[in-house]
Amino acid sequence: MGESKSEGLKEMQLPIIRSADGKCFGLEKSDAVVIDEEKYIGRFSHLLPANVPDEETKREAKAWLESKCVDIRKLTKA
């Protein structure tokens, strides 16, 4: 189950790919099922904020992550 601002709520099952010795090797690709957001109510649904954060909030979040030794370059595409 996942959600994004651009694609909304989606649900998919990703079958586990196992090596010959039974260890997890990766996940197979699968088609996503788009979910009707108005009908979907769940414990972990609609976690993203309704509005895009402003630049000051983004700076504060980056500073907090860096204070926790999180390498934000790994979290962003830019």
N, C-alpha and C. Protein backbone atom coordinates (compact mmCIF):
# COMPACT_ATOMS: atom_id res chain seq x y z
N MET A 1 0.85 -1.17 0.00
CA MET A 1 0.00 0.00 0.00
C MET A 1 0.89 1.22 0.00
N GLY A 2 0.59 2.16 -0.82
CA GLY A 2 1.37 3.38 -0.86
C GLY A 2 0.55 4.54 -1.35
N GLU A 3 1.05 5.73 -1.11
CA GLU A 3 0.37 6.92 -1.59
C GLU A 3 1.40 7.95 -2.01
N SER A 4 1.06 8.74 -3.00
CA SER A 4 1.91 9.84 -3.42
C SER A 4 1.03 10.99 -3.86
N LYS A 5 1.59 12.17 -3.86
CA LYS A 5 0.83 13.35 -4.29
C LYS A 5 0.43 13.23 -5.76
N SER A 6 1.32 12.69 -6.58
CA SER A 6 1.05 12.65 -8.02
C SER A 6 0.17 11.48 -8.43
N GLU A 7 0.24 10.35 -7.71
CA GLU A 7 -0.48 9.16 -8.15
C GLU A 7 -1.58 8.71 -7.20
N GLY A 8 -1.72 9.34 -6.05
CA GLY A 8 -2.76 8.96 -5.10
C GLY A 8 -2.47 7.64 -4.41
N LEU A 9 -3.52 6.99 -3.91
CA LEU A 9 -3.37 5.71 -3.22
C LEU A 9 -3.31 4.57 -4.22
N LYS A 10 -2.38 3.64 -3.99
CA LYS A 10 -2.26 2.45 -4.82
C LYS A 10 -1.95 1.27 -3.92
N GLU A 11 -2.36 0.11 -4.38
CA GLU A 11 -2.07 -1.10 -3.63
C GLU A 11 -1.52 -2.14 -4.60
N MET A 12 -0.50 -2.87 -4.17
CA MET A 12 0.02 -3.94 -5.01
C MET A 12 0.67 -5.00 -4.13
N GLN A 13 0.69 -6.19 -4.67
CA GLN A 13 1.38 -7.28 -4.00
C GLN A 13 2.63 -7.57 -4.81
N LEU A 14 3.77 -7.61 -4.14
CA LEU A 14 5.04 -7.87 -4.80
C LEU A 14 5.54 -9.25 -4.38
N PRO A 15 5.43 -10.24 -5.27
CA PRO A 15 5.90 -11.58 -4.91
C PRO A 15 7.40 -11.57 -4.62
N ILE A 16 7.80 -12.32 -3.60
CA ILE A 16 9.21 -12.41 -3.20
C ILE A 16 9.94 -13.36 -4.13
N ILE A 17 11.09 -12.94 -4.62
CA ILE A 17 11.96 -13.80 -5.42
C ILE A 17 12.99 -14.39 -4.47
N ARG A 18 13.10 -15.70 -4.47
CA ARG A 18 14.04 -16.37 -3.57
C ARG A 18 15.15 -17.05 -4.37
N SER A 19 16.35 -17.04 -3.79
CA SER A 19 17.46 -17.75 -4.41
C SER A 19 17.32 -19.24 -4.13
N ALA A 20 18.20 -20.04 -4.70
CA ALA A 20 18.13 -21.50 -4.55
C ALA A 20 18.20 -21.93 -3.08
N ASP A 21 18.91 -21.15 -2.26
CA ASP A 21 19.02 -21.52 -0.84
C ASP A 21 17.88 -20.95 0.02
N GLY A 22 16.87 -20.33 -0.63
CA GLY A 22 15.69 -19.86 0.07
C GLY A 22 15.76 -18.44 0.60
N LYS A 23 16.88 -17.75 0.41
CA LYS A 23 17.00 -16.38 0.90
C LYS A 23 16.30 -15.41 -0.06
N CYS A 24 15.83 -14.32 0.50
CA CYS A 24 15.15 -13.30 -0.30
C CYS A 24 16.15 -12.68 -1.26
N PHE A 25 15.80 -12.69 -2.55
CA PHE A 25 16.68 -12.17 -3.60
C PHE A 25 16.18 -10.81 -4.10
N GLY A 26 14.89 -10.58 -3.97
CA GLY A 26 14.30 -9.33 -4.44
C GLY A 26 12.79 -9.47 -4.53
N LEU A 27 12.17 -8.52 -5.19
CA LEU A 27 10.71 -8.54 -5.36
C LEU A 27 10.38 -8.46 -6.84
N GLU A 28 9.40 -9.26 -7.27
CA GLU A 28 8.94 -9.21 -8.65
C GLU A 28 8.09 -7.97 -8.85
N LYS A 29 8.02 -7.51 -10.08
CA LYS A 29 7.15 -6.38 -10.38
C LYS A 29 5.72 -6.86 -10.49
N SER A 30 4.80 -5.95 -10.23
CA SER A 30 3.39 -6.29 -10.26
C SER A 30 2.61 -5.04 -10.65
N ASP A 31 1.43 -5.25 -11.23
CA ASP A 31 0.58 -4.12 -11.57
C ASP A 31 -0.06 -3.56 -10.30
N ALA A 32 -0.14 -2.24 -10.23
CA ALA A 32 -0.76 -1.59 -9.08
C ALA A 32 -2.25 -1.45 -9.31
N VAL A 33 -3.00 -1.54 -8.25
CA VAL A 33 -4.44 -1.33 -8.28
C VAL A 33 -4.70 0.05 -7.67
N VAL A 34 -5.35 0.92 -8.44
CA VAL A 34 -5.68 2.25 -7.94
C VAL A 34 -6.87 2.12 -7.00
N ILE A 35 -6.80 2.80 -5.88
CA ILE A 35 -7.82 2.70 -4.84
C ILE A 35 -8.69 3.96 -4.85
N ASP A 36 -9.99 3.78 -4.67
CA ASP A 36 -10.91 4.91 -4.55
C ASP A 36 -10.63 5.58 -3.21
N GLU A 37 -9.98 6.75 -3.25
CA GLU A 37 -9.53 7.41 -2.02
C GLU A 37 -10.67 7.79 -1.09
N GLU A 38 -11.84 8.10 -1.62
CA GLU A 38 -12.95 8.51 -0.76
C GLU A 38 -13.48 7.34 0.06
N LYS A 39 -13.36 6.13 -0.46
CA LYS A 39 -13.88 4.96 0.24
C LYS A 39 -12.83 4.31 1.13
N TYR A 40 -11.54 4.63 0.88
CA TYR A 40 -10.48 3.96 1.63
C TYR A 40 -10.20 4.69 2.94
N ILE A 41 -10.48 4.04 4.04
CA ILE A 41 -10.18 4.58 5.36
C ILE A 41 -9.45 3.48 6.09
N GLY A 42 -8.26 3.78 6.53
CA GLY A 42 -7.49 2.76 7.23
C GLY A 42 -6.49 3.40 8.17
N ARG A 43 -5.88 2.58 8.95
CA ARG A 43 -4.96 3.06 9.97
C ARG A 43 -3.79 3.84 9.38
N PHE A 44 -3.29 3.39 8.24
CA PHE A 44 -2.13 4.05 7.64
C PHE A 44 -2.45 4.72 6.32
N SER A 45 -3.69 5.14 6.14
CA SER A 45 -4.06 5.84 4.91
C SER A 45 -4.01 7.34 5.13
N HIS A 46 -3.81 8.05 4.06
CA HIS A 46 -3.80 9.52 4.05
C HIS A 46 -2.77 10.08 5.04
N LEU A 47 -1.56 9.55 4.98
CA LEU A 47 -0.50 10.01 5.87
C LEU A 47 0.20 11.28 5.35
N LEU A 48 0.16 11.49 4.05
CA LEU A 48 0.83 12.65 3.49
C LEU A 48 0.04 13.91 3.81
N PRO A 49 0.74 15.02 4.04
CA PRO A 49 0.04 16.27 4.33
C PRO A 49 -0.78 16.73 3.12
N ALA A 50 -1.84 17.47 3.38
CA ALA A 50 -2.71 17.94 2.30
C ALA A 50 -2.02 18.98 1.43
N ASN A 51 -1.07 19.73 2.00
CA ASN A 51 -0.39 20.79 1.26
C ASN A 51 1.11 20.51 1.18
N VAL A 52 1.72 21.01 0.11
CA VAL A 52 3.17 20.90 -0.03
C VAL A 52 3.81 21.83 0.99
N PRO A 53 4.84 21.36 1.74
CA PRO A 53 5.45 22.22 2.75
C PRO A 53 6.19 23.41 2.11
N ASP A 54 6.21 24.53 2.83
CA ASP A 54 6.92 25.71 2.34
C ASP A 54 8.43 25.51 2.52
N GLU A 55 9.21 26.44 1.96
CA GLU A 55 10.67 26.30 1.98
C GLU A 55 11.24 26.29 3.40
N GLU A 56 10.69 27.07 4.30
CA GLU A 56 11.17 27.10 5.69
C GLU A 56 10.96 25.74 6.36
N THR A 57 9.79 25.15 6.15
CA THR A 57 9.51 23.83 6.72
C THR A 57 10.46 22.78 6.15
N LYS A 58 10.74 22.87 4.85
CA LYS A 58 11.69 21.94 4.22
C LYS A 58 13.08 22.09 4.83
N ARG A 59 13.52 23.34 5.04
CA ARG A 59 14.84 23.57 5.65
C ARG A 59 14.90 23.00 7.06
N GLU A 60 13.83 23.20 7.84
CA GLU A 60 13.79 22.67 9.20
C GLU A 60 13.84 21.14 9.21
N ALA A 61 13.11 20.53 8.28
CA ALA A 61 13.10 19.07 8.20
C ALA A 61 14.48 18.55 7.83
N LYS A 62 15.14 19.17 6.86
CA LYS A 62 16.49 18.75 6.46
C LYS A 62 17.47 18.90 7.61
N ALA A 63 17.37 20.01 8.34
CA ALA A 63 18.27 20.23 9.48
C ALA A 63 18.04 19.16 10.55
N TRP A 64 16.78 18.81 10.80
CA TRP A 64 16.48 17.78 11.80
C TRP A 64 17.05 16.43 11.37
N LEU A 65 16.84 16.08 10.11
CA LEU A 65 17.37 14.81 9.60
C LEU A 65 18.89 14.77 9.70
N GLU A 66 19.54 15.86 9.32
CA GLU A 66 21.00 15.91 9.41
C GLU A 66 21.47 15.81 10.86
N SER A 67 20.71 16.38 11.81
CA SER A 67 21.08 16.27 13.23
C SER A 67 20.99 14.83 13.72
N LYS A 68 20.21 14.01 13.03
CA LYS A 68 20.06 12.59 13.36
C LYS A 68 21.00 11.73 12.52
N CYS A 69 21.96 12.38 11.84
CA CYS A 69 22.96 11.70 11.00
C CYS A 69 22.34 10.97 9.81
N VAL A 70 21.24 11.48 9.29
CA VAL A 70 20.64 10.90 8.09
C VAL A 70 21.25 11.60 6.88
N ASP A 71 21.76 10.81 5.93
CA ASP A 71 22.32 11.37 4.70
C ASP A 71 21.17 11.68 3.76
N ILE A 72 20.76 12.94 3.70
CA ILE A 72 19.57 13.30 2.92
C ILE A 72 19.82 13.18 1.42
N ARG A 73 21.07 13.11 0.99
CA ARG A 73 21.35 12.92 -0.44
C ARG A 73 20.80 11.57 -0.91
N LYS A 74 20.75 10.60 -0.01
CA LYS A 74 20.21 9.28 -0.36
C LYS A 74 18.69 9.30 -0.43
N LEU A 75 18.06 10.30 0.18
CA LEU A 75 16.61 10.38 0.23
C LEU A 75 16.02 11.22 -0.90
N THR A 76 16.84 12.03 -1.53
CA THR A 76 16.33 12.94 -2.58
C THR A 76 16.93 12.57 -3.92
N LYS A 77 16.23 12.93 -4.97
CA LYS A 77 16.71 12.66 -6.33
C LYS A 77 17.64 13.77 -6.80
N ALA A 78 17.53 14.94 -6.20
CA ALA A 78 18.32 16.10 -6.63
C ALA A 78 19.65 16.14 -5.92
